[in-house]
Protein backbone atom coordinates (compact mmCIF):
# COMPACT_ATOMS: atom_id res chain seq x y z
CA MET A 1 72.03 3.37 -26.78
CA VAL A 2 72.79 -0.12 -25.46
CA VAL A 3 75.79 -0.48 -23.15
CA ASP A 4 77.02 -3.06 -20.65
CA SER A 5 76.89 -0.53 -17.83
CA ARG A 6 75.09 2.82 -17.68
CA ALA A 7 78.34 4.36 -16.46
CA ASP A 8 79.92 3.47 -19.79
CA TRP A 9 78.20 6.28 -21.68
CA PRO A 10 78.45 9.84 -20.32
CA LEU A 11 76.58 11.73 -23.01
CA GLN A 12 72.87 12.59 -22.80
CA ILE A 13 71.26 13.35 -26.15
CA PRO A 14 67.63 14.44 -26.67
CA GLY A 15 65.54 11.56 -27.94
CA MET A 16 68.01 8.90 -26.78
CA GLN A 17 67.37 6.31 -24.09
CA ILE A 18 70.29 4.55 -22.42
CA MET A 19 69.72 0.85 -21.71
CA THR A 20 71.98 -1.91 -20.52
CA ALA A 21 72.33 -4.97 -22.72
CA TRP A 22 70.40 -7.13 -20.26
CA GLU A 23 67.59 -4.58 -20.07
CA TYR A 24 67.35 -4.55 -23.85
CA LEU A 25 67.37 -8.33 -24.09
CA THR A 26 64.92 -9.05 -21.25
CA LEU A 27 62.52 -6.10 -20.85
CA THR A 28 60.42 -7.09 -23.85
CA ALA A 29 57.52 -4.74 -23.13
CA GLU A 30 59.85 -1.74 -23.29
CA THR A 31 61.61 -2.79 -26.48
CA ARG A 32 58.71 -3.48 -28.82
CA THR A 33 58.45 -0.03 -30.39
CA PRO A 34 59.10 -0.64 -34.10
CA LYS A 35 61.73 1.20 -36.16
CA THR A 36 63.78 2.15 -33.07
CA ARG A 37 67.42 2.88 -33.86
CA VAL A 38 69.68 0.84 -31.64
CA TYR A 39 73.33 1.85 -31.16
CA ASN A 40 75.08 -1.21 -29.79
CA LEU A 41 78.13 -0.25 -27.69
CA CYS A 42 78.56 -3.55 -25.88
CA ARG A 43 82.06 -4.63 -24.94
CA SER A 44 81.97 -7.86 -26.92
CA PHE A 45 80.38 -8.96 -30.19
CA GLY A 46 81.65 -12.54 -30.00
CA TYR A 47 79.32 -15.27 -31.20
CA GLN A 48 76.35 -15.66 -28.83
CA THR A 49 77.58 -13.01 -26.38
CA THR A 50 75.20 -10.33 -25.11
CA GLY A 51 76.54 -7.83 -27.67
CA TYR A 52 75.92 -10.35 -30.45
CA TYR A 53 72.37 -10.96 -29.25
CA VAL A 54 71.57 -7.23 -28.97
CA SER A 55 72.17 -6.76 -32.70
CA LEU A 56 70.60 -10.10 -33.59
CA LEU A 57 67.37 -9.50 -31.64
CA ALA A 58 67.20 -5.86 -32.76
CA GLY A 59 66.76 -7.14 -36.30
CA ALA A 60 64.08 -9.59 -35.17
CA ARG A 61 62.19 -6.81 -33.37
CA GLY A 62 62.09 -4.56 -36.42
CA HIS A 63 64.70 -2.23 -34.93
CA ARG A 64 67.67 -0.78 -36.78
CA PRO A 65 70.91 -1.76 -35.05
CA LEU A 66 74.33 -0.25 -35.59
CA PRO A 67 76.27 -2.43 -36.09
CA ASP A 68 73.79 -4.90 -37.53
CA ILE A 69 74.41 -8.63 -37.33
CA THR A 70 75.70 -8.77 -40.92
CA THR A 71 78.33 -6.12 -40.18
CA ILE A 72 79.40 -8.06 -37.09
CA GLN A 73 79.87 -11.17 -39.22
CA ASP A 74 81.63 -9.19 -41.96
CA LEU A 75 84.07 -7.80 -39.39
CA LYS A 76 85.07 -11.32 -38.45
CA LEU A 77 86.30 -11.75 -42.03
CA ALA A 78 87.87 -8.32 -42.29
CA GLU A 79 91.43 -9.59 -41.92
CA SER A 80 91.09 -10.74 -45.53
CA PRO A 81 92.07 -7.88 -47.88
CA GLY A 82 89.44 -9.13 -50.30
CA VAL A 83 86.66 -7.59 -48.20
CA LEU A 84 88.00 -4.06 -48.78
CA ASN A 85 87.01 -2.32 -51.97
CA ASP A 86 89.53 -0.60 -54.23
CA GLU A 87 88.70 2.85 -52.87
CA VAL A 88 89.53 1.82 -49.29
CA GLU A 89 92.66 -0.04 -50.40
CA GLU A 90 93.97 3.10 -52.11
CA LEU A 91 93.10 5.28 -49.13
CA MET A 92 94.85 2.85 -46.81
CA GLN A 93 98.10 2.96 -48.80
CA SER A 94 98.09 6.77 -49.15
CA SER A 95 96.93 7.53 -45.61
CA LEU A 96 99.56 5.29 -43.99
CA ALA A 97 102.39 6.05 -46.41
CA ARG A 98 104.30 8.22 -43.95
CA ILE A 99 103.97 5.91 -40.94
CA GLY A 100 107.49 5.02 -39.82
CA SER A 101 106.69 1.81 -37.92
CA GLN A 102 105.70 -1.63 -39.19
CA ALA A 103 102.32 -1.56 -37.43
CA PHE A 104 99.59 1.02 -36.85
CA VAL A 105 96.29 1.08 -34.95
CA LEU A 106 93.48 3.43 -35.97
CA ASN A 107 90.42 3.96 -33.78
CA VAL A 108 87.29 5.25 -35.49
CA TYR A 109 84.58 6.91 -33.42
CA PHE A 110 81.28 7.38 -35.30
CA GLY A 111 83.26 7.68 -38.53
CA THR A 112 85.78 10.16 -37.07
CA SER A 113 89.54 9.70 -36.59
CA PRO A 114 91.67 11.22 -33.81
CA SER A 115 94.06 12.33 -36.57
CA LYS A 116 93.00 14.62 -39.43
CA ARG A 117 95.54 12.86 -41.66
CA HIS A 118 93.48 9.67 -41.46
CA ALA A 119 90.03 11.30 -41.58
CA ARG A 120 89.15 10.01 -45.06
CA LEU A 121 90.32 6.48 -44.26
CA ALA A 122 88.30 6.50 -41.03
CA ARG A 123 85.15 7.63 -42.84
CA ALA A 124 85.65 5.00 -45.56
CA LEU A 125 86.08 2.20 -43.00
CA PHE A 126 82.96 3.35 -41.13
CA ASN A 127 81.00 3.42 -44.39
CA LEU A 128 82.15 -0.10 -45.25
CA PHE A 129 81.67 -1.51 -41.73
CA PRO A 130 79.13 0.72 -39.94
CA ALA A 131 79.87 0.32 -36.22
CA PRO A 132 79.87 3.18 -33.70
CA LEU A 133 83.32 2.36 -32.30
CA LEU A 134 85.74 0.63 -34.63
CA GLN A 135 89.40 -0.33 -34.40
CA ALA A 136 91.57 -1.14 -37.40
CA ARG A 137 95.01 -2.71 -37.04
CA PHE A 138 97.41 -2.44 -39.96
CA GLU A 139 100.72 -4.15 -40.67
CA TYR A 140 103.34 -3.28 -43.27
CA ARG A 141 104.12 -6.45 -45.24
CA GLY A 142 105.58 -7.01 -48.67
CA GLN A 143 106.04 -3.32 -49.48
CA GLU A 144 102.44 -2.40 -48.72
CA TRP A 145 100.05 -1.95 -45.83
CA ARG A 146 97.67 -4.80 -45.07
CA VAL A 147 94.73 -5.11 -42.67
CA ASP A 148 95.84 -7.15 -39.67
CA GLY A 149 92.53 -6.87 -37.82
CA LEU A 150 89.31 -4.92 -37.90
CA GLY A 151 86.54 -4.99 -35.35
CA PRO A 152 84.38 -3.12 -32.85
CA ILE A 153 86.25 -1.57 -29.93
CA ALA A 154 84.83 -1.78 -26.41
CA LEU A 155 84.08 1.45 -24.59
CA GLY A 156 86.49 0.41 -21.87
CA GLU A 157 89.28 0.12 -24.45
CA VAL A 158 88.95 3.69 -25.68
CA PRO A 159 92.10 5.52 -24.44
CA ALA A 160 91.42 8.21 -21.85
CA SER A 161 93.04 10.74 -24.18
CA HIS A 162 90.35 9.96 -26.78
CA HIS A 163 87.28 10.28 -24.52
CA GLU A 164 86.63 13.91 -25.31
CA LEU A 165 87.03 13.28 -29.05
CA MET A 166 84.73 10.24 -28.91
CA VAL A 167 82.00 12.19 -27.12
CA GLN A 168 82.33 15.10 -29.54
CA ALA A 169 82.19 12.72 -32.52
CA ALA A 170 79.01 11.16 -31.13
CA ARG A 171 77.48 14.58 -30.47
CA GLU A 172 78.21 15.70 -34.06
CA TYR A 173 77.00 12.39 -35.50
CA PHE A 174 73.60 12.67 -33.84
CA ALA A 175 73.31 16.40 -34.38
CA ARG A 176 74.10 16.02 -38.05
CA ARG A 177 71.59 13.29 -38.56
CA ARG A 178 68.04 12.57 -37.72
CA MET A 179 67.77 11.70 -34.05
CA PRO A 180 67.31 15.16 -32.52
CA ARG A 181 65.05 16.49 -35.26
CA ALA A 182 61.37 16.44 -34.50
CA ARG A 183 59.51 14.67 -37.24
CA ARG A 184 56.62 16.57 -38.80
CA ASP A 185 53.27 15.41 -37.47
CA SER A 186 52.23 14.38 -40.98
CA ALA A 187 55.42 12.40 -41.69
CA ARG A 188 54.92 8.64 -41.72
CA TYR A 189 58.14 7.51 -43.37
CA ASP A 190 61.74 8.64 -43.84
CA LEU A 191 63.08 8.87 -47.40
CA ALA A 192 66.74 9.35 -48.35
CA ILE A 193 67.59 10.61 -51.85
CA LEU A 194 71.18 9.84 -52.82
CA VAL A 195 72.72 12.59 -54.95
CA ASN A 196 76.14 13.79 -56.07
CA GLY A 197 76.45 17.55 -56.30
CA ALA A 198 79.65 17.26 -58.33
CA GLU A 199 78.15 15.02 -61.04
CA LYS A 200 78.13 16.78 -64.39
CA GLU A 201 75.28 14.77 -65.93
CA PRO A 202 73.10 13.58 -63.03
CA PRO A 203 69.91 11.61 -63.71
CA SER A 204 67.80 14.45 -62.24
CA ASN A 205 68.52 18.15 -62.31
CA ALA A 206 68.15 20.37 -59.25
CA ARG A 207 64.62 21.49 -60.09
CA ALA A 208 63.50 17.89 -60.55
CA LEU A 209 64.98 16.96 -57.17
CA LYS A 210 62.97 19.73 -55.52
CA ARG A 211 59.82 18.36 -57.13
CA PHE A 212 60.59 14.86 -55.90
CA GLU A 213 60.99 16.32 -52.42
CA LYS A 214 57.70 18.23 -52.66
CA ALA A 215 55.83 15.15 -53.91
CA ALA A 216 57.28 12.96 -51.16
CA GLU A 217 56.41 15.43 -48.41
CA SER A 218 52.84 15.73 -49.70
CA LEU A 219 52.51 11.95 -49.18
CA GLY A 220 53.84 12.01 -45.65
CA PHE A 221 57.58 11.45 -46.16
CA GLU A 222 60.36 13.19 -44.29
CA VAL A 223 63.06 13.73 -46.94
CA ASP A 224 66.84 13.94 -46.62
CA PHE A 225 69.27 14.44 -49.49
CA ILE A 226 72.36 12.35 -48.76
CA ASP A 227 75.70 11.72 -50.47
CA LYS A 228 78.24 8.93 -50.46
CA SER A 229 79.65 9.97 -47.08
CA ASP A 230 76.32 8.99 -45.48
CA TYR A 231 76.61 5.25 -46.06
CA GLY A 232 76.66 4.62 -42.33
CA HIS A 233 73.24 6.27 -41.98
CA VAL A 234 71.33 4.24 -44.56
CA ALA A 235 69.61 2.08 -41.94
CA GLU A 236 68.00 5.18 -40.40
CA TYR A 237 65.54 5.45 -43.32
CA ASP A 238 62.54 3.58 -44.63
CA ALA A 239 63.33 4.10 -48.30
CA LEU A 240 66.24 5.05 -50.55
CA PHE A 241 65.90 6.73 -53.94
CA ILE A 242 69.17 6.80 -55.89
CA ARG A 243 69.46 9.88 -58.08
CA GLU A 244 73.15 9.51 -58.85
CA THR A 245 74.40 7.59 -61.88
CA THR A 246 74.70 3.95 -60.86
CA ALA A 247 77.45 1.42 -61.54
CA VAL A 248 78.33 -1.98 -60.11
CA ASN A 249 81.87 -1.25 -58.90
CA HIS A 250 80.68 1.94 -57.25
CA HIS A 251 79.29 3.27 -54.00
CA THR A 252 75.80 3.54 -55.54
CA TYR A 253 75.64 -0.25 -55.75
CA ARG A 254 76.93 -0.59 -52.18
CA PHE A 255 74.20 1.83 -51.04
CA ALA A 256 71.56 -0.19 -52.88
CA ARG A 257 72.80 -3.48 -51.45
CA ARG A 258 72.90 -2.20 -47.89
CA ALA A 259 69.48 -0.57 -48.21
CA ALA A 260 67.96 -3.80 -49.53
CA ARG A 261 69.65 -5.80 -46.78
CA GLU A 262 68.25 -3.42 -44.17
CA GLY A 263 64.74 -3.88 -45.54
CA LEU A 264 64.37 -0.44 -47.14
CA VAL A 265 62.34 0.10 -50.28
CA VAL A 266 65.09 1.05 -52.71
CA VAL A 267 65.17 2.39 -56.26
CA ASP A 268 67.37 1.39 -57.97
CA ASP A 269 67.50 -1.97 -56.24
CA PRO A 270 70.82 -3.87 -56.47
CA VAL A 271 69.47 -6.58 -58.77
CA SER A 272 68.26 -3.97 -61.27
CA ILE A 273 71.66 -2.26 -61.17
CA LEU A 274 73.45 -5.55 -61.83
CA ARG A 275 71.15 -6.41 -64.71
CA ALA A 276 70.56 -3.10 -66.44
CA THR A 277 74.13 -1.78 -66.28
CA ASN A 278 75.45 -4.75 -68.28
CA LYS A 279 74.53 -4.88 -71.95
CA VAL A 280 75.81 -8.44 -72.31
CA PHE A 281 73.22 -9.54 -69.76
CA LEU A 282 70.50 -7.45 -71.39
CA SER A 283 71.10 -8.87 -74.85
CA GLU A 284 70.82 -12.43 -73.54
CA LEU A 285 67.75 -11.52 -71.48
CA MET A 286 65.95 -9.94 -74.45
CA ASP A 287 66.80 -13.01 -76.53
CA ARG A 288 65.45 -15.41 -73.89
CA HIS A 289 62.18 -13.47 -73.60
CA ARG A 290 61.88 -13.17 -77.40
CA ILE A 291 61.90 -9.39 -77.22
CA PRO A 292 63.03 -7.88 -80.56
CA GLN A 293 66.37 -6.07 -80.64
CA PRO A 294 68.86 -5.10 -83.37
CA ARG A 295 70.87 -8.04 -84.67
CA THR A 296 73.28 -8.73 -81.86
CA LEU A 297 76.51 -10.67 -81.55
CA LEU A 298 78.36 -11.49 -78.35
CA ILE A 299 82.00 -10.67 -79.05
CA HIS A 300 85.09 -12.23 -77.51
CA ARG A 301 88.69 -12.54 -78.65
CA GLY A 302 87.92 -15.65 -80.65
CA ASN A 303 85.16 -14.35 -82.93
CA VAL A 304 86.04 -10.76 -83.85
CA SER A 305 86.50 -11.84 -87.47
CA HIS A 306 82.85 -12.95 -87.64
CA VAL A 307 81.40 -9.49 -86.97
CA GLY A 308 81.63 -8.03 -90.46
CA ARG A 309 80.23 -11.18 -92.07
CA GLU A 310 77.29 -11.48 -89.68
CA LEU A 311 76.38 -7.82 -89.09
CA GLY A 312 77.94 -5.95 -91.98
CA PHE A 313 79.34 -2.41 -91.85
CA PRO A 314 78.79 -0.01 -90.31
CA CYS A 315 77.99 -1.72 -87.03
CA VAL A 316 77.94 -0.63 -83.40
CA LEU A 317 80.21 -1.87 -80.62
CA LYS A 318 79.09 -1.53 -77.01
CA GLN A 319 81.12 -1.69 -73.87
CA PRO A 320 78.94 -3.71 -71.43
CA ASP A 321 78.65 -0.88 -68.89
CA SER A 322 78.44 2.02 -71.36
CA GLN A 323 76.34 5.02 -70.31
CA PHE A 324 75.12 8.25 -71.88
CA SER A 325 76.51 7.28 -75.32
CA ARG A 326 79.98 6.70 -73.82
CA GLY A 327 81.49 3.35 -74.72
CA VAL A 328 79.20 3.03 -77.76
CA ILE A 329 81.22 3.15 -80.98
CA LYS A 330 80.24 2.97 -84.66
CA VAL A 331 82.81 1.22 -86.83
CA ASP A 332 82.80 1.49 -90.61
CA ASN A 333 85.28 -1.15 -91.69
CA GLU A 334 87.36 -4.14 -90.64
CA ALA A 335 90.38 -2.07 -89.61
CA GLU A 336 88.31 0.09 -87.25
CA LEU A 337 86.62 -3.02 -85.91
CA LYS A 338 89.93 -4.66 -84.99
CA ARG A 339 91.31 -1.53 -83.38
CA GLN A 340 88.21 -0.74 -81.32
CA THR A 341 87.50 -4.32 -80.23
CA ARG A 342 91.12 -4.65 -79.11
CA GLU A 343 90.67 -1.67 -76.80
CA LEU A 344 87.23 -2.70 -75.51
CA LEU A 345 88.30 -6.29 -74.83
CA GLU A 346 91.10 -4.98 -72.63
CA ARG A 347 88.38 -3.82 -70.22
CA SER A 348 85.88 -6.67 -70.54
CA ASP A 349 86.23 -10.26 -71.76
CA LEU A 350 82.87 -9.91 -73.52
CA ILE A 351 81.39 -6.99 -75.46
CA ILE A 352 78.37 -6.50 -77.72
CA ALA A 353 78.18 -5.79 -81.42
CA GLN A 354 74.88 -4.77 -83.04
CA SER A 355 73.73 -3.97 -86.51
CA PHE A 356 73.61 -0.24 -87.27
CA GLU A 357 69.98 0.75 -87.76
CA PRO A 358 69.69 4.55 -87.92
CA THR A 359 66.50 6.40 -87.05
CA GLU A 360 65.54 10.05 -86.71
CA TYR A 361 64.84 9.56 -83.01
CA ASP A 362 64.82 6.95 -80.25
CA TRP A 363 61.80 6.29 -78.11
CA ARG A 364 62.32 6.38 -74.36
CA VAL A 365 59.48 4.90 -72.32
CA GLY A 366 59.77 5.24 -68.56
CA VAL A 367 58.36 2.18 -66.81
CA LEU A 368 57.68 1.99 -63.07
CA ASP A 369 56.54 -1.18 -61.33
CA GLY A 370 55.74 -2.77 -64.68
CA GLU A 371 53.55 0.08 -65.91
CA PRO A 372 54.32 2.94 -68.35
CA LEU A 373 55.11 6.22 -66.60
CA TYR A 374 56.21 8.68 -69.29
CA ALA A 375 57.23 8.68 -72.94
CA CYS A 376 59.68 10.81 -74.92
CA ARG A 377 61.17 11.00 -78.36
CA TYR A 378 64.88 11.83 -78.18
CA TYR A 379 66.10 13.12 -81.55
CA MET A 380 69.63 12.55 -82.78
CA ALA A 381 72.13 15.35 -82.23
CA GLN A 382 72.59 17.46 -85.34
CA GLY A 383 74.92 15.76 -87.80
CA HIS A 384 75.38 12.76 -85.52
CA TRP A 385 74.04 9.22 -85.25
CA GLN A 386 73.42 9.35 -81.47
CA VAL A 387 71.17 11.40 -79.19
CA VAL A 388 74.27 12.83 -77.50
CA LYS A 389 77.35 14.03 -79.39
CA ARG A 390 80.53 14.48 -77.42
CA ASP A 391 83.20 16.80 -78.79
CA GLY A 392 85.93 16.87 -76.18
CA ALA A 393 84.45 18.59 -73.14
CA ALA A 394 81.49 19.88 -75.16
CA VAL A 395 78.23 17.93 -75.13
CA HIS A 396 75.58 18.44 -77.81
CA GLU A 397 72.12 16.90 -77.48
CA GLY A 398 69.29 16.52 -79.94
CA ASN A 399 65.80 17.85 -79.41
CA HIS A 400 63.22 16.05 -77.32
CA GLU A 401 59.45 15.63 -77.38
CA THR A 402 57.39 14.43 -74.42
CA LEU A 403 54.07 12.70 -75.03
CA ASP A 404 51.08 11.32 -73.21
CA VAL A 405 51.73 7.58 -72.91
CA ASN A 406 48.24 7.06 -74.36
CA ASP A 407 49.47 8.64 -77.62
CA VAL A 408 52.42 6.26 -77.95
CA PRO A 409 51.93 3.49 -80.54
CA LYS A 410 50.66 0.38 -78.79
CA ASN A 411 53.46 -1.83 -80.08
CA VAL A 412 56.11 0.61 -78.78
CA LEU A 413 54.45 0.76 -75.37
CA GLY A 414 53.85 -2.98 -75.17
CA ILE A 415 57.42 -3.98 -76.02
CA ALA A 416 58.83 -1.35 -73.64
CA VAL A 417 56.76 -2.73 -70.76
CA GLN A 418 57.67 -6.30 -71.68
CA ALA A 419 61.39 -5.43 -71.67
CA ALA A 420 61.22 -3.59 -68.36
CA ARG A 421 59.32 -6.41 -66.66
CA ALA A 422 61.99 -8.85 -67.81
CA VAL A 423 64.52 -6.84 -65.78
CA GLY A 424 62.43 -6.22 -62.67
CA ARG A 425 59.69 -4.15 -61.05
CA GLY A 426 61.61 -0.95 -60.37
CA LEU A 427 62.08 2.26 -62.37
CA TYR A 428 63.53 1.87 -65.87
CA GLY A 429 63.99 3.82 -69.06
CA VAL A 430 63.50 1.61 -72.12
CA ASP A 431 65.11 2.87 -75.35
CA LEU A 432 63.54 1.63 -78.57
CA LYS A 433 63.76 2.15 -82.32
CA GLN A 434 60.69 2.09 -84.54
CA PHE A 435 60.64 1.21 -88.22
CA GLY A 436 56.97 1.41 -89.23
CA ASN A 437 55.32 -1.46 -87.38
CA VAL A 438 58.66 -2.95 -86.35
CA VAL A 439 59.92 -2.01 -82.89
CA LYS A 440 63.26 -3.05 -81.38
CA VAL A 441 64.66 -2.59 -77.90
CA VAL A 442 68.04 -0.85 -77.87
CA GLU A 443 68.56 -1.11 -74.11
CA VAL A 444 66.88 -0.99 -70.72
CA ASN A 445 68.34 1.58 -68.33
CA ASP A 446 68.07 1.59 -64.60
CA ASN A 447 68.34 5.06 -63.03
CA PRO A 448 66.71 6.77 -66.06
CA ASN A 449 66.80 10.52 -66.47
CA ILE A 450 63.89 12.41 -64.98
CA ASP A 451 64.69 16.06 -65.53
CA HIS A 452 62.49 19.08 -65.03
CA GLY A 453 61.77 20.48 -68.46
CA VAL A 454 62.16 17.18 -70.33
CA GLU A 455 60.54 13.99 -69.03
CA ASP A 456 57.97 15.93 -66.96
CA LEU A 457 56.69 18.17 -69.75
CA PHE A 458 53.40 16.28 -70.05
CA LEU A 459 52.67 15.09 -66.50
CA ASP A 460 54.39 17.97 -64.67
CA GLN A 461 54.21 17.46 -60.86
CA ALA A 462 52.08 14.33 -61.29
CA LEU A 463 55.17 12.50 -62.62
CA TYR A 464 57.05 13.04 -59.37
CA ARG A 465 54.03 12.10 -57.32
CA LYS A 466 53.63 8.81 -59.20
CA VAL A 467 57.22 7.87 -58.34
CA MET A 468 56.70 8.69 -54.68
CA GLU A 469 53.39 6.82 -54.64
CA PHE A 470 55.36 3.73 -55.67
CA PHE A 471 57.50 4.06 -52.52
CA LEU A 472 54.40 4.62 -50.40
CA ARG A 473 52.61 1.54 -51.77
CA ARG A 474 55.62 -0.66 -51.11
CA LEU A 475 56.04 0.65 -47.58
CA GLN A 476 52.35 0.27 -46.77
CA ALA A 477 52.40 -3.28 -48.12
CA ARG A 478 55.37 -4.13 -45.89
CA THR A 479 53.62 -2.60 -42.90
CA ARG A 480 50.56 -4.80 -43.54
CA ASP A 481 52.74 -7.88 -43.98
CA THR A 482 54.43 -7.40 -40.60
CA ARG A 483 51.21 -7.03 -38.61
C-alpha cells in the first residue's frame, strides 16, 4: 500500500506492507520483487507527480498497480460520456433518478458506496475505472444525468464520516480476494476462470469446470472462479480463462481487453473475440486465405435482390454475431428473404447470406495454439436442419460423436487448422461440412464448448490438461523473456 504519509492509512492487513511514495520510488532494492500488487493511494495522480510515477514505475517493475497508468489516463478523459458503456449509463440514470438537486457527488471506496441505493453504480464505476478510492461528480443537464468529473480521491479528502466505511470496504476487499490467502507451496501461477452461474447455455458445464480446475492445480496453478463483478481484480492474476459466452459489446470483451493490457495470458484474447464473433469478418478472412466455405454473399440494403439469383433458394441468412444457432435463418423464397433481411439489417448494416448445403452432421474440430485438440460430429436435431432446434423455451439438440483426432479425415483436419490459424493462436471450435472429399468451413468460433460428457469423451481428463498446459507454456515463455 503506497501512501504519501504512513499516517494516512490506519489499517494493518496480513501480507500488506505500507510504504510512502518516496520509499517506493527510491528504495529500489526493496521494490524489485516481481508480481507485487501495488495499491496506490497517493493524494495526486497529476501528470509527473509522485502518484503518477508510482503507477508508472510499478508497471515497469513488473508489479500490478491499482490504479494502473492506463486507468489514470482514462480518468482524465472520463468527463466525456463516450467513455462510459451503455450498462453504466443506464445505471447512472436509474440510480440518480430520485436525486432532488442538480448535482451529486458519489465516493467509491474499493468498489463500495456509502449508500446502498448507489451500490450497483459504485461497483460498475470501479469495474470500469479500477482505482481504490474514486470520486464521481454528476450534473443534471438536458433532462438526464451526465458525468461532470471522475477521478481518484485523495485520502485526505475522504469525509470523516466515511472513514469507518472506507476501512471496512478495504478490509472486505482484501478478505474477499487473494491477499490474505496463503498460496499452496506447489502453486506457481494464479489463474482466474470467468464464469456466469446464471447462463443457461454456458460453454462449459459444471463438471467440466471442475476438471479444468483439477488440471490447472496439478500443473501448479492457484485457481479462482470469478464473475463480472470481479473486473477490478483482473490484474491480480497471471492468466484469465473465459468460460462465459463472449460478445464484443459485453463485459467478457472488457475482461479480455483488460487482461491482455495487464500482460495476462488470456483465452479468449480480445482480438479473437473481435474476429470470431463477427461472421462478416470471418467470411472475408476465409476468402482471403482461400479457405473453402459455402457460397457466400455480403448483404446490404442495396443488393438484397441479388441473393436469390446468386445463391438460389433455400439459402441461409446470418446475423454477424449469431451464436448457438440464434440469428441463423433459412429462407425458402423471395418474400421470406425480404422480410428477414429487413429485420436483420435493422441491427447490422451488413449481414451474410450463404448457400444452403444440408448434411447429416457438422464436424467440430477444436484447435488450440494452431494444433488440433478434439474432434466431434454434431448431428442435426431430429426433423431440423440445424444441430440445435429452438421451440420457444425448449431446446432440442442432435446426437454427438467424439473421435480421436487421428481418425478424422486429413482434409477435414487440415482445413480446420488452416481456418483457426487464420484467426489466431488461441482456442477455437471450427465447424465444417463434408461432402465426400469436399470440405467447407461454416464458421470459426472463439469460446467453443468444452462440456463433460461431450467434447471430452475421447481424451477425458487429458483434454483439460492440454488446455492448462497451453497457459503454462505461455507463462513460462514470458518468464524466460523477462529474465
